[in-house]
Every structure is written in C-alpha cells, then in structure tokens.
C-alpha cells in the first residue's frame, strides 16, 4: 500500500491521533507549571497571613467565591469548546453527509453556551465585589465607632 493511499484513506483517524497527541503533550507540560504556580501563590498567601498575625493586624479577608466564579466562568467555555471540537472531528472522520450544517449548529450552540457562561461569571464576580466592598465599609464603620467610644 502506498503512503498517499494510506493517508487518503485514514486522514480522519490520523487527525484525531494528532489532536490527541497535542492535547496530551500540552497537559504534560502545562499542568505541572499550573500546579507549581498555584502552590507558590498559596505559600505567599500563607506568609502574608503569618506576617499579619505577627504584627497584630487583622487578617486579610479570604473570599473564595469570586475566585471560584472566575474559575467556573473560564472552565465552562473550555470544556464546551473541547467537546465541540471532539464531536466535529469525529463527524469529519466518519464523513457525515451534512457535515457543514451539523458542525455549524454545534459551534453556534457552543458559542452561545460559552458567551452565557462568561457573561454570568463576570456578572457574578461584579456582584460579589459589591458585596465585599459593602462588608469592608461595615467593618470600617465599626472600627471608627469603637475608636470614638474609647
């Protein structure tokens, strides 16, 4: 069998194999970097809290809600796009009759879901920032009242 015939007959399978290799390679290099960066960030946060305790300052507020909202707002579009790409590549491999129409509908739905997730995440982070700012104002008012009473 000639290499050109092999590529012509199995181009879709080769495409999926190449995409899988790219994804695995990316995960092997990117994931350890992300884990190291997160570990370093946690160490710095811990040091900051220890220094605050040593100096007798109030501990910085720890609000994970905004951080989690941001992570989810980024994670949902990534999963949706990866899923849409996987389905589209399988459609291309099996040479579906209505490939364009099906792929177009898949990517439109994926785009809408991603847009809604990002918009909702940004709105949620904004609302949480307002709530947190309100909490800080309340804390500042309480400390001012205590100083005037003493």
C-alpha atoms as a PDB file:
ATOM      1  CA  UNK A   1       0.000   0.000   0.000  1.00  0.00           C
ATOM      2  CA  UNK A   2       1.337   3.416  -0.976  1.00  0.00           C
ATOM      3  CA  UNK A   3       1.715   6.116   1.697  1.00  0.00           C
ATOM      4  CA  UNK A   4      -0.518   8.507  -0.272  1.00  0.00           C
ATOM      5  CA  UNK A   5      -3.332   5.956  -0.366  1.00  0.00           C
ATOM      6  CA  UNK A   6      -2.875   5.285   3.348  1.00  0.00           C
ATOM      7  CA  UNK A   7      -3.127   8.989   4.169  1.00  0.00           C
ATOM      8  CA  UNK A   8      -6.101   9.410   1.850  1.00  0.00           C
ATOM      9  CA  UNK A   9      -8.000   6.514   3.415  1.00  0.00           C
ATOM     10  CA  UNK A  10      -7.111   7.250   7.039  1.00  0.00           C
ATOM     11  CA  UNK A  11      -6.760  11.028   7.130  1.00  0.00           C
ATOM     12  CA  UNK A  12      -9.514  11.409   9.703  1.00  0.00           C
ATOM     13  CA  UNK A  13      -8.014   8.855  12.058  1.00  0.00           C
ATOM     14  CA  UNK A  14      -4.603  10.488  11.692  1.00  0.00           C
ATOM     15  CA  UNK A  15      -6.187  13.855  12.517  1.00  0.00           C
ATOM     16  CA  UNK A  16      -7.720  12.514  15.731  1.00  0.00           C
ATOM     17  CA  UNK A  17      -4.438  10.847  16.667  1.00  0.00           C
ATOM     18  CA  UNK A  18      -2.525  14.089  16.079  1.00  0.00           C
ATOM     19  CA  UNK A  19      -5.046  16.111  18.119  1.00  0.00           C
ATOM     20  CA  UNK A  20      -4.863  13.604  20.984  1.00  0.00           C
ATOM     21  CA  UNK A  21      -1.055  13.753  20.921  1.00  0.00           C
ATOM     22  CA  UNK A  22      -1.114  17.559  21.013  1.00  0.00           C
ATOM     23  CA  UNK A  23      -3.552  17.601  23.942  1.00  0.00           C
ATOM     24  CA  UNK A  24      -1.588  15.022  25.950  1.00  0.00           C
ATOM     25  CA  UNK A  25       1.685  16.840  25.297  1.00  0.00           C
ATOM     26  CA  UNK A  26       0.164  20.145  26.346  1.00  0.00           C
ATOM     27  CA  UNK A  27      -1.192  18.613  29.537  1.00  0.00           C
ATOM     28  CA  UNK A  28       2.162  17.047  30.356  1.00  0.00           C
ATOM     29  CA  UNK A  29       3.893  20.422  30.152  1.00  0.00           C
ATOM     30  CA  UNK A  30       1.177  22.874  31.208  1.00  0.00           C
ATOM     31  CA  UNK A  31      -0.293  21.033  34.177  1.00  0.00           C
ATOM     32  CA  UNK A  32       2.916  20.892  36.262  1.00  0.00           C
ATOM     33  CA  UNK A  33       3.509  24.601  35.564  1.00  0.00           C
ATOM     34  CA  UNK A  34      -0.008  25.467  36.734  1.00  0.00           C
ATOM     35  CA  UNK A  35       0.352  23.356  39.858  1.00  0.00           C
ATOM     36  CA  UNK A  36       3.701  24.994  40.736  1.00  0.00           C
ATOM     37  CA  UNK A  37       2.261  28.481  40.237  1.00  0.00           C
ATOM     38  CA  UNK A  38      -0.749  27.676  42.414  1.00  0.00           C
ATOM     39  CA  UNK A  39       1.477  26.208  45.118  1.00  0.00           C
ATOM     40  CA  UNK A  40       3.678  29.324  45.117  1.00  0.00           C
ATOM     41  CA  UNK A  41       0.616  31.571  45.319  1.00  0.00           C
ATOM     42  CA  UNK A  42      -0.657  29.622  48.340  1.00  0.00           C
ATOM     43  CA  UNK A  43       2.757  29.916  50.029  1.00  0.00           C
ATOM     44  CA  UNK A  44       2.778  33.696  49.533  1.00  0.00           C
ATOM     45  CA  UNK A  45      -0.780  33.975  50.838  1.00  0.00           C
ATOM     46  CA  UNK A  46       0.179  31.952  53.927  1.00  0.00           C
ATOM     47  CA  UNK A  47       3.249  34.149  54.549  1.00  0.00           C
ATOM     48  CA  UNK A  48       1.075  37.252  54.274  1.00  0.00           C
ATOM     49  CA  UNK A  49      -1.327  35.890  56.887  1.00  0.00           C
ATOM     50  CA  UNK A  50       1.547  34.974  59.214  1.00  0.00           C
ATOM     51  CA  UNK A  51       3.055  38.466  58.931  1.00  0.00           C
ATOM     52  CA  UNK A  52      -0.342  39.994  59.679  1.00  0.00           C
ATOM     53  CA  UNK A  53      -0.640  37.851  62.786  1.00  0.00           C
ATOM     54  CA  UNK A  54       2.887  38.746  63.932  1.00  0.00           C
ATOM     55  CA  UNK A  55       2.213  42.477  63.565  1.00  0.00           C
ATOM     56  CA  UNK A  56      -1.179  42.219  65.257  1.00  0.00           C
ATOM     57  CA  UNK A  57      -3.042  43.392  62.178  1.00  0.00           C
ATOM     58  CA  UNK A  58      -6.436  41.984  61.252  1.00  0.00           C
ATOM     59  CA  UNK A  59      -6.244  39.058  58.871  1.00  0.00           C
ATOM     60  CA  UNK A  60      -6.994  39.821  55.235  1.00  0.00           C
ATOM     61  CA  UNK A  61     -10.437  38.714  54.149  1.00  0.00           C
ATOM     62  CA  UNK A  62     -10.484  35.366  52.399  1.00  0.00           C
ATOM     63  CA  UNK A  63     -13.355  35.286  49.927  1.00  0.00           C
ATOM     64  CA  UNK A  64     -13.146  32.281  47.659  1.00  0.00           C
ATOM     65  CA  UNK A  65     -16.485  32.998  45.991  1.00  0.00           C
ATOM     66  CA  UNK A  66     -15.110  35.462  43.439  1.00  0.00           C
ATOM     67  CA  UNK A  67     -12.144  33.221  42.688  1.00  0.00           C
ATOM     68  CA  UNK A  68     -14.400  30.222  42.144  1.00  0.00           C
ATOM     69  CA  UNK A  69     -16.778  32.252  39.980  1.00  0.00           C
ATOM     70  CA  UNK A  70     -13.848  33.246  37.776  1.00  0.00           C
ATOM     71  CA  UNK A  71     -12.621  29.675  37.513  1.00  0.00           C
ATOM     72  CA  UNK A  72     -16.037  28.370  36.553  1.00  0.00           C
ATOM     73  CA  UNK A  73     -16.515  31.209  34.067  1.00  0.00           C
ATOM     74  CA  UNK A  74     -13.310  30.081  32.359  1.00  0.00           C
ATOM     75  CA  UNK A  75     -13.742  26.330  32.770  1.00  0.00           C
ATOM     76  CA  UNK A  76     -17.198  26.046  31.189  1.00  0.00           C
ATOM     77  CA  UNK A  77     -16.194  27.590  27.829  1.00  0.00           C
ATOM     78  CA  UNK A  78     -13.031  25.474  27.689  1.00  0.00           C
ATOM     79  CA  UNK A  79     -14.963  22.244  28.232  1.00  0.00           C
ATOM     80  CA  UNK A  80     -17.637  23.281  25.741  1.00  0.00           C
ATOM     81  CA  UNK A  81     -15.080  24.138  23.050  1.00  0.00           C
ATOM     82  CA  UNK A  82     -13.132  20.920  23.602  1.00  0.00           C
ATOM     83  CA  UNK A  83     -16.361  18.932  23.352  1.00  0.00           C
ATOM     84  CA  UNK A  84     -17.433  20.753  20.187  1.00  0.00           C
ATOM     85  CA  UNK A  85     -14.020  20.155  18.622  1.00  0.00           C
ATOM     86  CA  UNK A  86     -14.159  16.462  19.518  1.00  0.00           C
ATOM     87  CA  UNK A  87     -17.623  15.998  18.026  1.00  0.00           C
ATOM     88  CA  UNK A  88     -16.667  17.944  14.909  1.00  0.00           C
ATOM     89  CA  UNK A  89     -13.523  15.893  14.392  1.00  0.00           C
ATOM     90  CA  UNK A  90     -15.477  12.647  14.694  1.00  0.00           C
ATOM     91  CA  UNK A  91     -18.011  13.968  12.198  1.00  0.00           C
ATOM     92  CA  UNK A  92     -15.157  14.757   9.817  1.00  0.00           C
ATOM     93  CA  UNK A  93     -13.600  11.322  10.293  1.00  0.00           C
ATOM     94  CA  UNK A  94     -16.770   9.437   9.519  1.00  0.00           C
ATOM     95  CA  UNK A  95     -17.521  11.789   6.616  1.00  0.00           C
ATOM     96  CA  UNK A  96     -21.036  12.684   7.651  1.00  0.00           C
ATOM     97  CA  UNK A  97     -23.326  13.726   4.814  1.00  0.00           C
ATOM     98  CA  UNK A  98     -24.456  17.043   6.302  1.00  0.00           C
ATOM     99  CA  UNK A  99     -21.139  17.929   7.901  1.00  0.00           C
ATOM    100  CA  UNK A 100     -21.357  21.696   7.433  1.00  0.00           C
ATOM    101  CA  UNK A 101     -24.901  22.062   8.785  1.00  0.00           C
ATOM    102  CA  UNK A 102     -24.252  19.856  11.803  1.00  0.00           C
ATOM    103  CA  UNK A 103     -20.867  21.434  12.563  1.00  0.00           C
ATOM    104  CA  UNK A 104     -22.353  24.917  12.232  1.00  0.00           C
ATOM    105  CA  UNK A 105     -25.132  24.113  14.689  1.00  0.00           C
ATOM    106  CA  UNK A 106     -22.645  22.536  17.131  1.00  0.00           C
ATOM    107  CA  UNK A 107     -20.368  25.582  17.087  1.00  0.00           C
ATOM    108  CA  UNK A 108     -23.239  28.074  17.356  1.00  0.00           C
ATOM    109  CA  UNK A 109     -24.571  26.292  20.441  1.00  0.00           C
ATOM    110  CA  UNK A 110     -21.047  26.038  21.879  1.00  0.00           C
ATOM    111  CA  UNK A 111     -20.505  29.746  21.292  1.00  0.00           C
ATOM    112  CA  UNK A 112     -23.791  30.676  22.954  1.00  0.00           C
ATOM    113  CA  UNK A 113     -23.126  28.474  25.981  1.00  0.00           C
ATOM    114  CA  UNK A 114     -19.641  29.980  26.305  1.00  0.00           C
ATOM    115  CA  UNK A 115     -20.970  33.520  25.997  1.00  0.00           C
ATOM    116  CA  UNK A 116     -23.609  32.902  28.655  1.00  0.00           C
ATOM    117  CA  UNK A 117     -21.063  31.303  30.996  1.00  0.00           C
ATOM    118  CA  UNK A 118     -18.605  34.184  30.614  1.00  0.00           C
ATOM    119  CA  UNK A 119     -21.316  36.837  30.995  1.00  0.00           C
ATOM    120  CA  UNK A 120     -22.771  35.138  34.051  1.00  0.00           C
ATOM    121  CA  UNK A 121     -19.338  34.697  35.603  1.00  0.00           C
ATOM    122  CA  UNK A 122     -18.397  38.328  35.084  1.00  0.00           C
ATOM    123  CA  UNK A 123     -21.745  39.500  36.459  1.00  0.00           C
ATOM    124  CA  UNK A 124     -21.348  37.233  39.481  1.00  0.00           C
ATOM    125  CA  UNK A 125     -17.807  38.466  40.148  1.00  0.00           C
ATOM    126  CA  UNK A 126     -19.027  42.062  39.915  1.00  0.00           C
ATOM    127  CA  UNK A 127     -21.848  41.399  42.352  1.00  0.00           C
ATOM    128  CA  UNK A 128     -19.509  39.633  44.771  1.00  0.00           C
ATOM    129  CA  UNK A 129     -17.123  42.597  44.567  1.00  0.00           C
ATOM    130  CA  UNK A 130     -20.001  44.926  45.506  1.00  0.00           C
ATOM    131  CA  UNK A 131     -20.950  42.704  48.416  1.00  0.00           C
ATOM    132  CA  UNK A 132     -17.347  42.527  49.601  1.00  0.00           C
ATOM    133  CA  UNK A 133     -16.966  46.313  49.310  1.00  0.00           C
ATOM    134  CA  UNK A 134     -20.119  46.696  51.408  1.00  0.00           C
ATOM    135  CA  UNK A 135     -18.695  44.345  54.039  1.00  0.00           C
ATOM    136  CA  UNK A 136     -15.463  46.353  54.169  1.00  0.00           C
ATOM    137  CA  UNK A 137     -17.444  49.574  54.632  1.00  0.00           C
ATOM    138  CA  UNK A 138     -19.331  47.971  57.532  1.00  0.00           C
ATOM    139  CA  UNK A 139     -16.062  46.845  59.148  1.00  0.00           C
ATOM    140  CA  UNK A 140     -14.551  50.339  58.771  1.00  0.00           C
ATOM    141  CA  UNK A 141     -17.651  51.935  60.355  1.00  0.00           C
ATOM    142  CA  UNK A 142     -17.466  49.527  63.316  1.00  0.00           C
ATOM    143  CA  UNK A 143     -13.781  50.317  63.939  1.00  0.00           C
ATOM    144  CA  UNK A 144     -14.455  54.078  63.717  1.00  0.00           C
ATOM    145  CA  UNK A 145     -17.293  53.732  66.256  1.00  0.00           C
ATOM    146  CA  UNK A 146     -15.043  51.795  68.615  1.00  0.00           C
ATOM    147  CA  UNK A 147     -12.320  54.470  68.429  1.00  0.00           C
ATOM    148  CA  UNK A 148     -14.775  57.273  69.209  1.00  0.00           C
ATOM    149  CA  UNK A 149     -16.202  55.347  72.161  1.00  0.00           C
ATOM    150  CA  UNK A 150     -12.785  54.802  73.725  1.00  0.00           C
END
